[in-house]
Structures are given as C-alpha cells and as structure tokens.
Amino acid sequence: MGDTGMGGAAALEKLVPVLLAFGGGVLLARRKIVPAEASKVFSDYAFLFAVPCYLFGNIYASDLGALFNWRAIGGYAGAAALAVVAVAVVAVAHGLREPRDVALRVMAGVQVNTAYFAVPVFITVFGTAAPIFPILLFQVCVLSLVVIALMELGRAGPEAGGPGRRLSRAVGASLATPLVLACNAGVLLNLLSVRIPAVVLDGAAFVGDSASPVALFALGLHLGGLGLDLRGTTREELALIGFKCLAFPLLTWAVCGLLVGVRGEWLAYLVLIAAMPTPQNLFIFAQRYDVGVDLSASIVIKSSLVSLLLLPLWLQTVVV
C-alpha cells in the first residue's frame, strides 16, 4: 500500500515496547502476581488522566493547520460511513430489528480503541499520537453520538424519558469525556495563543509519558485474567472481528488512498487507526443498555488479540 514498506525486522522492533508492556500485564495476571481486577484502576488512570494530559499538551503545542488534514479526515469519515451502512445492512438482513442490537454491531465493526491501543501504538511507532486527535473527535462527536442516540432511543421504561431527553443525554455523554474535553481545551488555547507556563506543560508531559505503557499494561492485565474460549467463537463474532481488523482498514485504504488521494504518512495513520481493535466502551455500553453483553465482551477481547497479531503486517505494509 505504501511506496516503500517497513521491513519485517524493523516492524517487530517497533512493537517490542508494545509487546513488553502488554505481555507483562498478561503474565502478571496469569500468575496472579497482580490481580486482573486491578486493570480497571490502571485503565481509569490512563483514560481519565494520563491520556488527556498527553493529548492536551501535544495538541496545544501542535501546528493545527498540519494536524487537521481535511482531505484525510474527510476520507476517513467517508470510509466509516460506508462501513456503518454495510454493518447495519447485514445486521438487518440477518433479522435484527431492535435499534440497540444494530447500534451495538455498528460500534463493534467501525469504532476503534483510541485511548488504550491507538495512542500507545502511535507513540511507539511515530513518536507522537497527535494524528489520532482529529479522528478521535470524529469518532466521539459523530460515530459515538449516533450509537448512543440509537441506544437511548431504544431504551424502554418511564425512567428513560422522552426522545428529546434521551437524545440530549446522548449528546452530553459523548462530549463530556475527559479525552474530548482535553482535546478541545488544547485546540482552544492554541487558537487563542494563550501562554501556558512551562511548568504546567512539563507536568502534563510527565504524566502523559506514562499513558502508553500503563494503558497497554492495563489491557494485558484485563486479557490475562480472562479465559479465552476460542473454540466457542460464533460465526457472527468471526464476521465482526474480521470486518473490524481486516475489511475496515482495507476499505479505509481504498477510500482514502484511491478515491480521495491521501498519500504518505497520513494514509499510514488512517489505515493503522482503522486497524485498531474494537473499543472497551462497547462492553460498557452493552452493560448500560442491557444488550449483547456476552457478545460485546468476546469481541473486545478477541479483536484486541487479532489486532495485536496483525500489527506487524500493517506496519510492514503501510508505514513509509
């Protein structure tokens, strides 16, 4: 896909820190040295504090004109829209009529794990996770909003409120996450040329540097504490994991590279982002809205493993 590929050995070298942090979590959880339940503490630290600190500092110091490559963002949005339609059509064709069921499968096949997977991988491979920011905002403000809106509109019972209340709740939930707040703050202060004391930026960088290893370690703990029933994988799970880990990245490459004309590093960024696994939020949403809990847990775990195994292939193919 790229003009010149990264060699297999070089790709594996790039993944050594990722495998070390992730594998350490798996090993310690499997040997019960660190309880797997502690993964939530590490995950919360990364998601609520370290990753927002990292993104805030880097976005504040970035050239926003270079960061917001509108052709690249538009291409990714187009690929995601096609993917959403494809997953929804297939779900409906297989007899699913409940909006929550369809929304869950759309999220499983199209949304990506940015905080716990994409950020550490990008820091390791490219030295920065800043290119993830525009896609992160698109995912949270558009894709997540669509999914949450469908989930809310599909809720039953008087406590759910009317459609207007449920939709406003969906919008609020999408925009009030620490990641989005940190990103928006970084953009706003950058645009306004507000001078932030160096000691504050140094502090944010110090905390942000821990985001990558802690997020991967937490994911390793989580997966290491769960027994994987690979033999019990259903055809639906295989289809969704295959779409997420193979079809969606290839669709992104085709739309962005062939149709829109994205080239160079940005094409590599977009394909790698699309190749990231299904986010853990899928399981959180499934629990909250009481739909497909077991399916979502299985897809999150298995897509994470498949994505990790496929990373050397994607790096060798698209990183120029």
C-alpha atoms as a PDB file:
ATOM      1  CA  MET A   1       0.000   0.000   0.000  1.00  0.00           C
ATOM      2  CA  GLY A   2       2.845   2.358   0.773  1.00  0.00           C
ATOM      3  CA  ASP A   3       5.513   3.308  -1.713  1.00  0.00           C
ATOM      4  CA  THR A   4       8.160   1.690   0.466  1.00  0.00           C
ATOM      5  CA  GLY A   5       7.349  -0.728   3.225  1.00  0.00           C
ATOM      6  CA  MET A   6       8.874  -1.115   6.644  1.00  0.00           C
ATOM      7  CA  GLY A   7      10.919  -4.311   6.834  1.00  0.00           C
ATOM      8  CA  GLY A   8       9.632  -7.168   8.926  1.00  0.00           C
ATOM      9  CA  ALA A   9      12.500  -6.907  11.427  1.00  0.00           C
ATOM     10  CA  ALA A  10      12.031  -3.150  11.762  1.00  0.00           C
ATOM     11  CA  ALA A  11       8.294  -3.622  12.270  1.00  0.00           C
ATOM     12  CA  LEU A  12       8.904  -6.133  15.031  1.00  0.00           C
ATOM     13  CA  GLU A  13      11.455  -3.838  16.663  1.00  0.00           C
ATOM     14  CA  LYS A  14       8.850  -1.089  16.774  1.00  0.00           C
ATOM     15  CA  LEU A  15       6.486  -3.480  18.542  1.00  0.00           C
ATOM     16  CA  VAL A  16       8.904  -4.606  21.264  1.00  0.00           C
ATOM     17  CA  PRO A  17       7.835  -1.897  23.770  1.00  0.00           C
ATOM     18  CA  VAL A  18       4.170  -2.630  22.988  1.00  0.00           C
ATOM     19  CA  LEU A  19       4.623  -6.359  23.499  1.00  0.00           C
ATOM     20  CA  LEU A  20       6.681  -5.826  26.657  1.00  0.00           C
ATOM     21  CA  ALA A  21       4.060  -3.660  28.379  1.00  0.00           C
ATOM     22  CA  PHE A  22       1.137  -5.740  27.149  1.00  0.00           C
ATOM     23  CA  GLY A  23       2.837  -9.084  27.767  1.00  0.00           C
ATOM     24  CA  GLY A  24       3.923  -8.036  31.250  1.00  0.00           C
ATOM     25  CA  GLY A  25       0.307  -7.394  32.164  1.00  0.00           C
ATOM     26  CA  VAL A  26      -0.803 -10.759  30.744  1.00  0.00           C
ATOM     27  CA  LEU A  27       1.973 -12.642  32.555  1.00  0.00           C
ATOM     28  CA  LEU A  28       1.428 -10.986  35.933  1.00  0.00           C
ATOM     29  CA  ALA A  29      -2.322 -11.558  35.729  1.00  0.00           C
ATOM     30  CA  ARG A  30      -1.948 -15.201  34.656  1.00  0.00           C
ATOM     31  CA  ARG A  31       0.460 -15.875  37.545  1.00  0.00           C
ATOM     32  CA  LYS A  32      -1.858 -13.959  39.882  1.00  0.00           C
ATOM     33  CA  ILE A  33       1.001 -11.697  40.978  1.00  0.00           C
ATOM     34  CA  VAL A  34      -1.155  -8.675  40.164  1.00  0.00           C
ATOM     35  CA  PRO A  35      -4.926  -9.251  40.333  1.00  0.00           C
ATOM     36  CA  ALA A  36      -6.659  -8.886  36.981  1.00  0.00           C
ATOM     37  CA  GLU A  37      -9.274  -6.701  38.678  1.00  0.00           C
ATOM     38  CA  ALA A  38      -6.562  -4.052  39.110  1.00  0.00           C
ATOM     39  CA  SER A  39      -6.737  -3.453  35.366  1.00  0.00           C
ATOM     40  CA  LYS A  40      -9.679  -1.109  35.964  1.00  0.00           C
ATOM     41  CA  VAL A  41      -7.542   1.091  38.212  1.00  0.00           C
ATOM     42  CA  PHE A  42      -4.763   1.308  35.622  1.00  0.00           C
ATOM     43  CA  SER A  43      -7.302   1.827  32.835  1.00  0.00           C
ATOM     44  CA  ASP A  44      -9.054   4.614  34.715  1.00  0.00           C
ATOM     45  CA  TYR A  45      -5.723   6.323  35.354  1.00  0.00           C
ATOM     46  CA  ALA A  46      -4.836   6.155  31.673  1.00  0.00           C
ATOM     47  CA  PHE A  47      -8.268   7.088  30.342  1.00  0.00           C
ATOM     48  CA  LEU A  48      -9.206   9.789  32.860  1.00  0.00           C
ATOM     49  CA  PHE A  49      -5.827  11.381  33.465  1.00  0.00           C
ATOM     50  CA  ALA A  50      -2.694  10.288  31.583  1.00  0.00           C
ATOM     51  CA  VAL A  51      -4.041  10.189  28.006  1.00  0.00           C
ATOM     52  CA  PRO A  52      -5.901  13.524  28.390  1.00  0.00           C
ATOM     53  CA  CYS A  53      -2.691  15.096  29.742  1.00  0.00           C
ATOM     54  CA  TYR A  54      -0.737  13.732  26.804  1.00  0.00           C
ATOM     55  CA  LEU A  55      -3.234  14.905  24.195  1.00  0.00           C
ATOM     56  CA  PHE A  56      -3.711  18.328  25.779  1.00  0.00           C
ATOM     57  CA  GLY A  57      -0.003  19.128  25.837  1.00  0.00           C
ATOM     58  CA  ASN A  58       0.703  17.820  22.350  1.00  0.00           C
ATOM     59  CA  ILE A  59      -2.306  19.467  20.712  1.00  0.00           C
ATOM     60  CA  TYR A  60      -1.589  22.785  22.425  1.00  0.00           C
ATOM     61  CA  ALA A  61       1.947  22.725  21.002  1.00  0.00           C
ATOM     62  CA  SER A  62       0.949  21.424  17.554  1.00  0.00           C
ATOM     63  CA  ASP A  63       0.558  23.183  14.246  1.00  0.00           C
ATOM     64  CA  LEU A  64      -3.209  22.818  13.907  1.00  0.00           C
ATOM     65  CA  GLY A  65      -3.059  23.519  10.194  1.00  0.00           C
ATOM     66  CA  ALA A  66      -0.930  20.405   9.709  1.00  0.00           C
ATOM     67  CA  LEU A  67      -2.875  18.403  12.283  1.00  0.00           C
ATOM     68  CA  PHE A  68      -6.251  18.969  10.654  1.00  0.00           C
ATOM     69  CA  ASN A  69      -5.705  17.450   7.239  1.00  0.00           C
ATOM     70  CA  TRP A  70      -9.254  17.868   5.988  1.00  0.00           C
ATOM     71  CA  ARG A  71      -8.789  15.627   2.968  1.00  0.00           C
ATOM     72  CA  ALA A  72      -7.586  12.826   5.247  1.00  0.00           C
ATOM     73  CA  ILE A  73     -10.344  13.402   7.800  1.00  0.00           C
ATOM     74  CA  GLY A  74     -12.987  13.527   5.069  1.00  0.00           C
ATOM     75  CA  GLY A  75     -11.674  10.325   3.535  1.00  0.00           C
ATOM     76  CA  TYR A  76     -11.776   8.519   6.864  1.00  0.00           C
ATOM     77  CA  ALA A  77     -15.288   9.826   7.527  1.00  0.00           C
ATOM     78  CA  GLY A  78     -16.389   8.532   4.124  1.00  0.00           C
ATOM     79  CA  ALA A  79     -14.883   5.103   4.778  1.00  0.00           C
ATOM     80  CA  ALA A  80     -16.506   4.982   8.226  1.00  0.00           C
ATOM     81  CA  ALA A  81     -19.895   5.950   6.748  1.00  0.00           C
ATOM     82  CA  LEU A  82     -19.669   3.129   4.196  1.00  0.00           C
ATOM     83  CA  ALA A  83     -18.662   0.727   6.958  1.00  0.00           C
ATOM     84  CA  VAL A  84     -21.589   1.799   9.152  1.00  0.00           C
ATOM     85  CA  VAL A  85     -24.039   1.226   6.305  1.00  0.00           C
ATOM     86  CA  ALA A  86     -22.502  -2.158   5.468  1.00  0.00           C
ATOM     87  CA  VAL A  87     -22.658  -3.458   9.046  1.00  0.00           C
ATOM     88  CA  ALA A  88     -26.190  -2.122   9.582  1.00  0.00           C
ATOM     89  CA  VAL A  89     -27.497  -3.621   6.326  1.00  0.00           C
ATOM     90  CA  VAL A  90     -26.007  -7.026   7.111  1.00  0.00           C
ATOM     91  CA  ALA A  91     -27.375  -6.917  10.668  1.00  0.00           C
ATOM     92  CA  VAL A  92     -30.875  -6.078   9.451  1.00  0.00           C
ATOM     93  CA  ALA A  93     -30.637  -8.711   6.703  1.00  0.00           C
ATOM     94  CA  HIS A  94     -29.942 -11.289   9.396  1.00  0.00           C
ATOM     95  CA  GLY A  95     -33.143 -10.442  11.221  1.00  0.00           C
ATOM     96  CA  LEU A  96     -32.069  -7.806  13.738  1.00  0.00           C
ATOM     97  CA  ARG A  97     -34.719  -5.119  14.116  1.00  0.00           C
ATOM     98  CA  GLU A  98     -34.027  -3.701  17.583  1.00  0.00           C
ATOM     99  CA  PRO A  99     -32.080  -0.410  17.180  1.00  0.00           C
ATOM    100  CA  ARG A 100     -29.834  -1.251  20.132  1.00  0.00           C
ATOM    101  CA  ASP A 101     -28.768  -4.554  18.555  1.00  0.00           C
ATOM    102  CA  VAL A 102     -27.908  -2.857  15.272  1.00  0.00           C
ATOM    103  CA  ALA A 103     -26.073   0.010  17.024  1.00  0.00           C
ATOM    104  CA  LEU A 104     -24.006  -2.441  19.067  1.00  0.00           C
ATOM    105  CA  ARG A 105     -22.816  -4.237  15.942  1.00  0.00           C
ATOM    106  CA  VAL A 106     -22.066  -0.970  14.159  1.00  0.00           C
ATOM    107  CA  MET A 107     -19.904   0.096  17.081  1.00  0.00           C
ATOM    108  CA  ALA A 108     -18.164  -3.304  17.134  1.00  0.00           C
ATOM    109  CA  GLY A 109     -17.305  -3.139  13.444  1.00  0.00           C
ATOM    110  CA  VAL A 110     -16.428   0.535  12.959  1.00  0.00           C
ATOM    111  CA  GLN A 111     -15.281   2.223  16.163  1.00  0.00           C
ATOM    112  CA  VAL A 112     -11.653   1.892  17.222  1.00  0.00           C
ATOM    113  CA  ASN A 113      -9.846   1.673  20.534  1.00  0.00           C
ATOM    114  CA  THR A 114      -8.043   5.017  20.602  1.00  0.00           C
ATOM    115  CA  ALA A 115      -7.121   5.547  24.269  1.00  0.00           C
ATOM    116  CA  TYR A 116      -5.888   2.097  25.240  1.00  0.00           C
ATOM    117  CA  PHE A 117      -4.488   0.870  21.925  1.00  0.00           C
ATOM    118  CA  ALA A 118      -4.024   3.505  19.225  1.00  0.00           C
ATOM    119  CA  VAL A 119      -2.337   6.105  21.447  1.00  0.00           C
ATOM    120  CA  PRO A 120       0.410   3.775  22.780  1.00  0.00           C
ATOM    121  CA  VAL A 121       0.979   2.219  19.359  1.00  0.00           C
ATOM    122  CA  PHE A 122       1.302   5.622  17.662  1.00  0.00           C
ATOM    123  CA  ILE A 123       3.649   6.924  20.353  1.00  0.00           C
ATOM    124  CA  THR A 124       5.846   3.852  19.878  1.00  0.00           C
ATOM    125  CA  VAL A 125       5.805   3.821  16.065  1.00  0.00           C
ATOM    126  CA  PHE A 126       5.642   7.520  15.158  1.00  0.00           C
ATOM    127  CA  GLY A 127       6.798   9.222  18.357  1.00  0.00           C
ATOM    128  CA  THR A 128       3.505  11.093  18.617  1.00  0.00           C
ATOM    129  CA  ALA A 129      -0.193  10.343  18.944  1.00  0.00           C
ATOM    130  CA  ALA A 130      -1.313  13.788  17.749  1.00  0.00           C
ATOM    131  CA  PRO A 131      -2.640  12.495  14.377  1.00  0.00           C
ATOM    132  CA  ILE A 132      -5.218  10.470  16.309  1.00  0.00           C
ATOM    133  CA  PHE A 133      -6.870  13.625  17.655  1.00  0.00           C
ATOM    134  CA  PRO A 134      -8.980  14.605  14.614  1.00  0.00           C
ATOM    135  CA  ILE A 135     -10.165  11.004  14.202  1.00  0.00           C
ATOM    136  CA  LEU A 136     -10.841  10.788  17.934  1.00  0.00           C
ATOM    137  CA  LEU A 137     -13.081  13.846  17.760  1.00  0.00           C
ATOM    138  CA  PHE A 138     -14.877  12.470  14.707  1.00  0.00           C
ATOM    139  CA  GLN A 139     -15.405   9.149  16.450  1.00  0.00           C
ATOM    140  CA  VAL A 140     -16.671  10.641  19.698  1.00  0.00           C
ATOM    141  CA  CYS A 141     -18.684  13.528  18.284  1.00  0.00           C
ATOM    142  CA  VAL A 142     -20.188  11.678  15.300  1.00  0.00           C
ATOM    143  CA  LEU A 143     -19.918   7.890  15.473  1.00  0.00           C
ATOM    144  CA  SER A 144     -20.388   7.577  19.239  1.00  0.00           C
ATOM    145  CA  LEU A 145     -23.202  10.114  19.134  1.00  0.00           C
ATOM    146  CA  VAL A 146     -25.037   8.014  16.535  1.00  0.00           C
ATOM    147  CA  VAL A 147     -24.532   4.823  18.545  1.00  0.00           C
ATOM    148  CA  ILE A 148     -25.522   6.365  21.876  1.00  0.00           C
ATOM    149  CA  ALA A 149     -28.532   8.078  20.307  1.00  0.00           C
ATOM    150  CA  LEU A 150     -29.762   4.732  18.933  1.00  0.00           C
ATOM    151  CA  MET A 151     -29.142   3.101  22.293  1.00  0.00           C
ATOM    152  CA  GLU A 152     -31.020   5.824  24.155  1.00  0.00           C
ATOM    153  CA  LEU A 153     -33.893   5.869  21.675  1.00  0.00           C
ATOM    154  CA  GLY A 154     -34.153   2.100  22.008  1.00  0.00           C
ATOM    155  CA  ARG A 155     -34.466   2.192  25.782  1.00  0.00           C
ATOM    156  CA  ALA A 156     -37.786   1.324  27.291  1.00  0.00           C
ATOM    157  CA  GLY A 157     -39.470   2.356  30.514  1.00  0.00           C
ATOM    158  CA  PRO A 158     -40.612   5.666  32.014  1.00  0.00           C
ATOM    159  CA  GLU A 159     -37.206   6.320  33.592  1.00  0.00           C
ATOM    160  CA  ALA A 160     -35.691   6.667  30.131  1.00  0.00           C
ATOM    161  CA  GLY A 161     -37.687   9.838  29.439  1.00  0.00           C
ATOM    162  CA  GLY A 162     -38.887  11.153  26.100  1.00  0.00           C
ATOM    163  CA  PRO A 163     -36.902  11.095  22.846  1.00  0.00           C
ATOM    164  CA  GLY A 164     -35.690  14.674  23.332  1.00  0.00           C
ATOM    165  CA  ARG A 165     -34.371  13.989  26.793  1.00  0.00           C
ATOM    166  CA  ARG A 166     -32.698  10.785  25.678  1.00  0.00           C
ATOM    167  CA  LEU A 167     -31.055  12.492  22.707  1.00  0.00           C
ATOM    168  CA  SER A 168     -29.738  15.359  24.846  1.00  0.00           C
ATOM    169  CA  ARG A 169     -28.386  12.824  27.300  1.00  0.00           C
ATOM    170  CA  ALA A 170     -26.612  11.075  24.422  1.00  0.00           C
ATOM    171  CA  VAL A 171     -25.027  14.333  23.230  1.00  0.00           C
ATOM    172  CA  GLY A 172     -23.889  15.220  26.746  1.00  0.00           C
ATOM    173  CA  ALA A 173     -22.380  11.777  27.319  1.00  0.00           C
ATOM    174  CA  SER A 174     -20.447  11.978  24.047  1.00  0.00           C
ATOM    175  CA  LEU A 175     -18.979  15.440  24.567  1.00  0.00           C
ATOM    176  CA  ALA A 176     -18.189  15.282  28.297  1.00  0.00           C
ATOM    177  CA  THR A 177     -15.493  12.599  28.203  1.00  0.00           C
ATOM    178  CA  PRO A 178     -12.045  13.614  29.548  1.00  0.00           C
ATOM    179  CA  LEU A 179     -10.413  12.864  26.182  1.00  0.00           C
ATOM    180  CA  VAL A 180     -12.692  15.233  24.284  1.00  0.00           C
ATOM    181  CA  LEU A 181     -12.512  17.939  26.938  1.00  0.00           C
ATOM    182  CA  ALA A 182      -8.695  17.787  26.941  1.00  0.00           C
ATOM    183  CA  CYS A 183      -8.530  17.893  23.144  1.00  0.00           C
ATOM    184  CA  ASN A 184     -10.927  20.814  22.886  1.00  0.00           C
ATOM    185  CA  ALA A 185      -9.060  22.720  25.596  1.00  0.00           C
ATOM    186  CA  GLY A 186      -5.778  22.188  23.745  1.00  0.00           C
ATOM    187  CA  VAL A 187      -7.284  23.438  20.478  1.00  0.00           C
ATOM    188  CA  LEU A 188      -8.956  26.463  22.059  1.00  0.00           C
ATOM    189  CA  LEU A 189      -5.873  27.627  23.954  1.00  0.00           C
ATOM    190  CA  ASN A 190      -3.751  27.023  20.857  1.00  0.00           C
ATOM    191  CA  LEU A 191      -6.050  29.117  18.662  1.00  0.00           C
ATOM    192  CA  LEU A 192      -6.235  31.908  21.251  1.00  0.00           C
ATOM    193  CA  SER A 193      -2.429  31.840  21.672  1.00  0.00           C
ATOM    194  CA  VAL A 194      -2.854  31.654  25.437  1.00  0.00           C
ATOM    195  CA  ARG A 195       0.522  31.277  27.101  1.00  0.00           C
ATOM    196  CA  ILE A 196       0.625  28.303  29.442  1.00  0.00           C
ATOM    197  CA  PRO A 197       3.507  28.243  31.970  1.00  0.00           C
ATOM    198  CA  ALA A 198       6.260  25.815  31.009  1.00  0.00           C
ATOM    199  CA  VAL A 199       5.984  24.081  34.378  1.00  0.00           C
ATOM    200  CA  VAL A 200       2.357  23.151  33.592  1.00  0.00           C
ATOM    201  CA  LEU A 201       3.258  21.772  30.163  1.00  0.00           C
ATOM    202  CA  ASP A 202       6.199  19.880  31.653  1.00  0.00           C
ATOM    203  CA  GLY A 203       3.882  18.385  34.245  1.00  0.00           C
ATOM    204  CA  ALA A 204       1.379  17.347  31.591  1.00  0.00           C
ATOM    205  CA  ALA A 205       4.192  15.793  29.552  1.00  0.00           C
ATOM    206  CA  PHE A 206       5.497  13.916  32.604  1.00  0.00           C
ATOM    207  CA  VAL A 207       2.078  12.400  33.292  1.00  0.00           C
ATOM    208  CA  GLY A 208       1.339  11.912  29.599  1.00  0.00           C
ATOM    209  CA  ASP A 209       4.520   9.887  29.069  1.00  0.00           C
ATOM    210  CA  SER A 210       3.042   7.207  31.328  1.00  0.00           C
ATOM    211  CA  ALA A 211      -0.120   6.871  29.231  1.00  0.00           C
ATOM    212  CA  SER A 212       1.274   4.416  26.697  1.00  0.00           C
ATOM    213  CA  PRO A 213       2.816   1.768  28.977  1.00  0.00           C
ATOM    214  CA  VAL A 214       0.072   1.993  31.595  1.00  0.00           C
ATOM    215  CA  ALA A 215      -2.730   1.631  29.026  1.00  0.00           C
ATOM    216  CA  LEU A 216      -1.060  -1.405  27.442  1.00  0.00           C
ATOM    217  CA  PHE A 217      -0.286  -2.929  30.833  1.00  0.00           C
ATOM    218  CA  ALA A 218      -3.923  -2.489  31.874  1.00  0.00           C
ATOM    219  CA  LEU A 219      -5.111  -4.162  28.688  1.00  0.00           C
ATOM    220  CA  GLY A 220      -2.705  -7.041  29.304  1.00  0.00           C
ATOM    221  CA  LEU A 221      -3.957  -7.456  32.873  1.00  0.00           C
ATOM    222  CA  HIS A 222      -7.551  -7.464  31.660  1.00  0.00           C
ATOM    223  CA  LEU A 223      -6.966 -10.048  28.963  1.00  0.00           C
ATOM    224  CA  GLY A 224      -4.649 -12.149  31.128  1.00  0.00           C
ATOM    225  CA  GLY A 225      -7.309 -12.511  33.779  1.00  0.00           C
ATOM    226  CA  LEU A 226      -9.921 -13.849  31.349  1.00  0.00           C
ATOM    227  CA  GLY A 227     -10.041 -17.330  29.936  1.00  0.00           C
ATOM    228  CA  LEU A 228     -10.462 -17.225  26.159  1.00  0.00           C
ATOM    229  CA  ASP A 229     -12.877 -19.704  24.638  1.00  0.00           C
ATOM    230  CA  LEU A 230     -11.610 -19.598  21.069  1.00  0.00           C
ATOM    231  CA  ARG A 231     -13.467 -22.779  20.132  1.00  0.00           C
ATOM    232  CA  GLY A 232     -16.730 -21.184  21.164  1.00  0.00           C
ATOM    233  CA  THR A 233     -16.332 -18.225  18.808  1.00  0.00           C
ATOM    234  CA  THR A 234     -19.553 -17.790  16.850  1.00  0.00           C
ATOM    235  CA  ARG A 235     -19.838 -17.039  13.153  1.00  0.00           C
ATOM    236  CA  GLU A 236     -21.188 -13.583  13.990  1.00  0.00           C
ATOM    237  CA  GLU A 237     -18.175 -12.860  16.194  1.00  0.00           C
ATOM    238  CA  LEU A 238     -15.814 -14.031  13.443  1.00  0.00           C
ATOM    239  CA  ALA A 239     -17.585 -11.844  10.899  1.00  0.00           C
ATOM    240  CA  LEU A 240     -17.465  -8.720  13.086  1.00  0.00           C
ATOM    241  CA  ILE A 241     -13.833  -9.275  14.112  1.00  0.00           C
ATOM    242  CA  GLY A 242     -12.836  -9.938  10.501  1.00  0.00           C
ATOM    243  CA  PHE A 243     -14.619  -6.798   9.358  1.00  0.00           C
ATOM    244  CA  LYS A 244     -13.042  -4.681  12.100  1.00  0.00           C
ATOM    245  CA  CYS A 245      -9.489  -5.968  11.807  1.00  0.00           C
ATOM    246  CA  LEU A 246      -9.246  -6.575   8.035  1.00  0.00           C
ATOM    247  CA  ALA A 247     -12.132  -5.212   5.979  1.00  0.00           C
ATOM    248  CA  PHE A 248     -12.374  -1.771   7.610  1.00  0.00           C
ATOM    249  CA  PRO A 249      -8.630  -0.967   7.294  1.00  0.00           C
ATOM    250  CA  LEU A 250      -8.676  -2.120   3.656  1.00  0.00           C
ATOM    251  CA  LEU A 251     -11.810  -0.052   2.997  1.00  0.00           C
ATOM    252  CA  THR A 252     -10.101   2.946   4.607  1.00  0.00           C
ATOM    253  CA  TRP A 253      -7.049   2.468   2.387  1.00  0.00           C
ATOM    254  CA  ALA A 254      -9.213   2.179  -0.730  1.00  0.00           C
ATOM    255  CA  VAL A 255     -11.382   5.217   0.020  1.00  0.00           C
ATOM    256  CA  CYS A 256      -8.619   7.464   1.356  1.00  0.00           C
ATOM    257  CA  GLY A 257      -5.808   6.367  -0.927  1.00  0.00           C
ATOM    258  CA  LEU A 258      -7.544   5.541  -4.197  1.00  0.00           C
ATOM    259  CA  LEU A 259     -10.637   7.746  -4.167  1.00  0.00           C
ATOM    260  CA  VAL A 260      -9.661  10.775  -2.094  1.00  0.00           C
ATOM    261  CA  GLY A 261      -5.955  10.843  -2.919  1.00  0.00           C
ATOM    262  CA  VAL A 262      -4.468  10.815   0.578  1.00  0.00           C
ATOM    263  CA  ARG A 263      -0.762   9.988   0.402  1.00  0.00           C
ATOM    264  CA  GLY A 264       2.284   9.455   2.589  1.00  0.00           C
ATOM    265  CA  GLU A 265       2.184   9.496   6.369  1.00  0.00           C
ATOM    266  CA  TRP A 266      -1.488  10.420   6.604  1.00  0.00           C
ATOM    267  CA  LEU A 267      -2.546   7.353   4.652  1.00  0.00           C
ATOM    268  CA  ALA A 268      -0.475   5.208   7.037  1.00  0.00           C
ATOM    269  CA  TYR A 269      -2.038   6.985  10.036  1.00  0.00           C
ATOM    270  CA  LEU A 270      -5.591   6.383   8.819  1.00  0.00           C
ATOM    271  CA  VAL A 271      -5.105   2.711   7.912  1.00  0.00           C
ATOM    272  CA  LEU A 272      -3.429   1.979  11.248  1.00  0.00           C
ATOM    273  CA  ILE A 273      -6.178   3.783  13.150  1.00  0.00           C
ATOM    274  CA  ALA A 274      -8.799   1.739  11.296  1.00  0.00           C
ATOM    275  CA  ALA A 275      -6.860  -1.434  12.137  1.00  0.00           C
ATOM    276  CA  MET A 276      -7.131  -0.807  15.867  1.00  0.00           C
ATOM    277  CA  PRO A 277      -9.443  -3.184  17.794  1.00  0.00           C
ATOM    278  CA  THR A 278     -12.995  -2.641  18.979  1.00  0.00           C
ATOM    279  CA  PRO A 279     -13.011  -0.258  21.992  1.00  0.00           C
ATOM    280  CA  GLN A 280     -13.732  -1.364  25.546  1.00  0.00           C
ATOM    281  CA  ASN A 281     -16.576   1.152  25.545  1.00  0.00           C
ATOM    282  CA  LEU A 282     -18.554  -1.423  23.572  1.00  0.00           C
ATOM    283  CA  PHE A 283     -18.760  -3.600  26.679  1.00  0.00           C
ATOM    284  CA  ILE A 284     -19.602  -0.589  28.861  1.00  0.00           C
ATOM    285  CA  PHE A 285     -22.435   0.417  26.516  1.00  0.00           C
ATOM    286  CA  ALA A 286     -23.701  -3.162  26.347  1.00  0.00           C
ATOM    287  CA  GLN A 287     -23.906  -3.344  30.126  1.00  0.00           C
ATOM    288  CA  ARG A 288     -25.546   0.049  30.445  1.00  0.00           C
ATOM    289  CA  TYR A 289     -28.193  -0.609  27.821  1.00  0.00           C
ATOM    290  CA  ASP A 290     -28.565  -4.338  28.580  1.00  0.00           C
ATOM    291  CA  VAL A 291     -27.916  -5.596  25.063  1.00  0.00           C
ATOM    292  CA  GLY A 292     -25.419  -8.176  23.772  1.00  0.00           C
ATOM    293  CA  VAL A 293     -23.224  -8.164  26.881  1.00  0.00           C
ATOM    294  CA  ASP A 294     -21.549 -11.535  26.220  1.00  0.00           C
ATOM    295  CA  LEU A 295     -21.112 -10.768  22.516  1.00  0.00           C
ATOM    296  CA  SER A 296     -19.506  -7.403  23.221  1.00  0.00           C
ATOM    297  CA  ALA A 297     -17.084  -8.803  25.832  1.00  0.00           C
ATOM    298  CA  SER A 298     -15.947 -11.529  23.444  1.00  0.00           C
ATOM    299  CA  ILE A 299     -15.439  -9.140  20.514  1.00  0.00           C
ATOM    300  CA  VAL A 300     -13.454  -6.618  22.594  1.00  0.00           C
ATOM    301  CA  ILE A 301     -11.082  -9.311  23.852  1.00  0.00           C
ATOM    302  CA  LYS A 302     -10.650 -11.260  20.615  1.00  0.00           C
ATOM    303  CA  SER A 303     -10.368  -8.209  18.344  1.00  0.00           C
ATOM    304  CA  SER A 304      -7.616  -6.882  20.646  1.00  0.00           C
ATOM    305  CA  LEU A 305      -5.637 -10.083  20.231  1.00  0.00           C
ATOM    306  CA  VAL A 306      -6.198 -10.227  16.470  1.00  0.00           C
ATOM    307  CA  SER A 307      -5.205  -6.576  16.054  1.00  0.00           C
ATOM    308  CA  LEU A 308      -2.035  -7.143  18.061  1.00  0.00           C
ATOM    309  CA  LEU A 309      -1.125 -10.139  15.905  1.00  0.00           C
ATOM    310  CA  LEU A 310      -1.796  -8.196  12.691  1.00  0.00           C
ATOM    311  CA  LEU A 311       0.144  -5.074  13.718  1.00  0.00           C
ATOM    312  CA  PRO A 312       3.466  -6.236  12.186  1.00  0.00           C
ATOM    313  CA  LEU A 313       1.651  -6.864   8.900  1.00  0.00           C
ATOM    314  CA  TRP A 314       0.065  -3.411   8.834  1.00  0.00           C
ATOM    315  CA  LEU A 315       3.331  -1.737   9.853  1.00  0.00           C
ATOM    316  CA  GLN A 316       5.267  -3.531   7.139  1.00  0.00           C
ATOM    317  CA  THR A 317       2.565  -2.682   4.582  1.00  0.00           C
ATOM    318  CA  VAL A 318       1.610   0.934   5.219  1.00  0.00           C
ATOM    319  CA  VAL A 319       4.330   2.682   7.219  1.00  0.00           C
ATOM    320  CA  VAL A 320       6.530   4.532   4.761  1.00  0.00           C
END
